Protein backbone atom coordinates (compact mmCIF):
# COMPACT_ATOMS: atom_id res chain seq x y z
CA UNK A 1 -152.28 69.74 -76.69
CA UNK A 2 -149.48 70.48 -74.24
CA UNK A 3 -149.34 67.02 -72.69
CA UNK A 4 -149.21 68.74 -69.29
CA UNK A 5 -152.29 69.81 -67.31
CA UNK A 6 -150.47 72.69 -65.63
CA UNK A 7 -149.27 74.12 -68.96
CA UNK A 8 -152.74 73.65 -70.48
CA UNK A 9 -154.31 75.50 -67.59
CA UNK A 10 -151.74 78.29 -67.92
CA UNK A 11 -152.56 78.64 -71.64
CA UNK A 12 -156.30 78.64 -70.91
CA UNK A 13 -155.98 81.31 -68.22
CA UNK A 14 -153.76 83.44 -70.48
CA UNK A 15 -156.32 83.28 -73.28
CA UNK A 16 -159.22 84.14 -70.96
CA UNK A 17 -157.25 87.03 -69.43
CA UNK A 18 -156.39 88.38 -72.88
CA UNK A 19 -160.04 88.13 -73.97
CA UNK A 20 -161.18 89.95 -70.81
CA UNK A 21 -158.54 92.64 -71.31
CA UNK A 22 -159.60 93.15 -74.93
CA UNK A 23 -163.24 93.30 -73.90
CA UNK A 24 -162.49 95.92 -71.24
CA UNK A 25 -160.86 98.06 -73.96
CA UNK A 26 -163.83 97.45 -76.29
CA UNK A 27 -161.52 95.51 -78.61
CA UNK A 28 -163.32 92.19 -78.79
CA UNK A 29 -161.89 89.22 -80.69
CA UNK A 30 -161.66 89.80 -84.44
CA UNK A 31 -163.50 86.57 -85.32
CA UNK A 32 -164.94 83.42 -83.77
CA UNK A 33 -161.63 81.59 -84.24
CA UNK A 34 -159.66 84.06 -82.13
CA UNK A 35 -160.01 81.96 -78.94
CA UNK A 36 -158.84 78.78 -80.68
CA UNK A 37 -155.94 80.55 -82.39
CA UNK A 38 -154.77 82.34 -79.23
CA UNK A 39 -155.03 79.22 -77.07
CA UNK A 40 -153.20 77.13 -79.68
CA UNK A 41 -150.27 79.53 -79.93
CA UNK A 42 -150.04 79.75 -76.14
CA UNK A 43 -150.02 75.94 -75.92
CA UNK A 44 -147.35 75.66 -78.61
CA UNK A 45 -145.17 78.26 -76.89
CA UNK A 46 -145.53 76.57 -73.49
CA UNK A 47 -144.93 73.10 -74.95
CA UNK A 48 -141.73 74.19 -76.65
CA UNK A 49 -140.40 76.05 -73.61
CA UNK A 50 -137.17 74.37 -72.58
CA UNK A 51 -137.53 71.57 -75.12
CA UNK A 52 -135.07 70.86 -77.89
CA UNK A 53 -136.68 69.03 -80.78
CA UNK A 54 -135.13 65.79 -81.97
CA UNK A 55 -134.82 65.21 -85.68
CA UNK A 56 -136.55 61.92 -86.39
CA UNK A 57 -138.02 60.33 -89.45
CA UNK A 58 -141.13 58.29 -88.77
CA UNK A 59 -141.89 55.28 -90.87
CA UNK A 60 -144.70 55.73 -93.38
CA UNK A 61 -147.04 53.27 -95.05
CA UNK A 62 -149.75 53.56 -97.67
CA UNK A 63 -153.15 54.00 -96.06
CA UNK A 64 -154.96 50.66 -96.22
CA UNK A 65 -158.62 50.23 -97.11
CA UNK A 66 -158.92 48.14 -93.93
CA UNK A 67 -157.64 50.97 -91.72
CA UNK A 68 -161.08 51.64 -90.16
CA UNK A 69 -161.20 48.00 -88.93
CA UNK A 70 -157.71 48.37 -87.52
CA UNK A 71 -158.74 51.56 -85.71
CA UNK A 72 -161.75 49.75 -84.20
CA UNK A 73 -159.26 47.46 -82.43
CA UNK A 74 -157.71 50.44 -80.62
CA UNK A 75 -158.65 51.89 -77.29
CA UNK A 76 -159.64 55.54 -78.06
CA UNK A 77 -156.89 56.69 -75.69
CA UNK A 78 -154.29 55.05 -77.98
CA UNK A 79 -155.40 57.24 -80.88
CA UNK A 80 -155.35 60.36 -78.70
CA UNK A 81 -151.85 59.50 -77.44
CA UNK A 82 -150.56 58.97 -80.97
CA UNK A 83 -151.95 62.31 -82.18
CA UNK A 84 -150.66 64.15 -79.10
CA UNK A 85 -147.14 62.82 -79.78
CA UNK A 86 -147.06 64.24 -83.32
CA UNK A 87 -144.92 67.36 -83.85
CA UNK A 88 -146.48 70.79 -84.27
CA UNK A 89 -148.18 71.90 -86.49
CA UNK A 90 -149.04 68.36 -87.59
CA UNK A 91 -150.52 67.52 -84.17
CA UNK A 92 -152.96 70.42 -84.33
CA UNK A 93 -153.77 69.80 -88.00
CA UNK A 94 -154.67 66.17 -87.30
CA UNK A 95 -156.64 66.94 -84.15
CA UNK A 96 -158.66 69.75 -85.72
CA UNK A 97 -159.16 67.87 -89.00
CA UNK A 98 -160.58 64.81 -87.25
CA UNK A 99 -162.77 66.91 -84.94
CA UNK A 100 -164.65 67.79 -88.13
CA UNK A 101 -165.89 71.06 -86.63
CA UNK A 102 -164.15 73.58 -88.89
CA UNK A 103 -164.26 74.44 -92.58
CA UNK A 104 -161.05 74.23 -94.60
CA UNK A 105 -160.74 78.02 -94.56
CA UNK A 106 -161.10 78.03 -90.76
CA UNK A 107 -158.51 75.26 -90.39
CA UNK A 108 -156.03 77.18 -92.55
CA UNK A 109 -156.64 80.32 -90.50
CA UNK A 110 -156.26 78.52 -87.18
CA UNK A 111 -153.03 76.86 -88.22
CA UNK A 112 -151.74 79.84 -90.19
CA UNK A 113 -150.72 77.58 -93.09
CA UNK A 114 -151.45 77.43 -96.80
CA UNK A 115 -153.69 74.69 -98.24
CA UNK A 116 -150.72 72.84 -99.75
CA UNK A 117 -148.94 72.71 -96.37
CA UNK A 118 -152.13 71.59 -94.62
CA UNK A 119 -152.59 68.82 -97.18
CA UNK A 120 -149.00 67.69 -96.65
CA UNK A 121 -149.43 67.65 -92.86
CA UNK A 122 -152.58 65.52 -93.06
CA UNK A 123 -151.22 63.20 -95.76
CA UNK A 124 -147.92 62.59 -93.98
CA UNK A 125 -149.69 62.15 -90.65
CA UNK A 126 -152.07 59.57 -92.10
CA UNK A 127 -149.21 57.56 -93.65
CA UNK A 128 -147.22 57.69 -90.40
CA UNK A 129 -150.31 56.68 -88.43
CA UNK A 130 -150.90 53.76 -90.81
CA UNK A 131 -147.34 52.51 -90.26
CA UNK A 132 -147.88 52.67 -86.48
CA UNK A 133 -151.33 51.10 -86.85
CA UNK A 134 -149.86 48.18 -88.79
CA UNK A 135 -147.77 47.36 -85.72
CA UNK A 136 -150.30 48.26 -82.99
CA UNK A 137 -153.32 46.60 -84.62
CA UNK A 138 -152.22 44.41 -87.56
CA UNK A 139 -154.86 43.78 -90.19
CA UNK A 140 -155.73 40.33 -91.48
CA UNK A 141 -154.55 41.37 -94.96
CA UNK A 142 -150.95 41.90 -93.75
């Protein structure tokens, strides 16, 4: 999520230390998503430290019915790199959505967004990914 192993390790250690501290005070995590939420916010904070965001508009394209065949042409690392380059909170929304491990309510809680915003993040991300996919792995229909 951070794109930097040192920052990721720092976020992980911070989350574990906070969990241990809470446990020592008999104040365990409020729910099973606490670890994910805390680690995510630590990663976001570390990733944005010293970085000034650029305002860019990514090209979008309608999602094609042949997209799964295009994705099969990719090396899995290409997909991971594309998702990791997305801006927050879209990056986390896409990653967690495609992990398919969380319910919608859990996703909304983890990301601290409303359903409409989550829908927009996924929809925009899919259209941007399709535009990139059309260049990286053109379909026969194009």
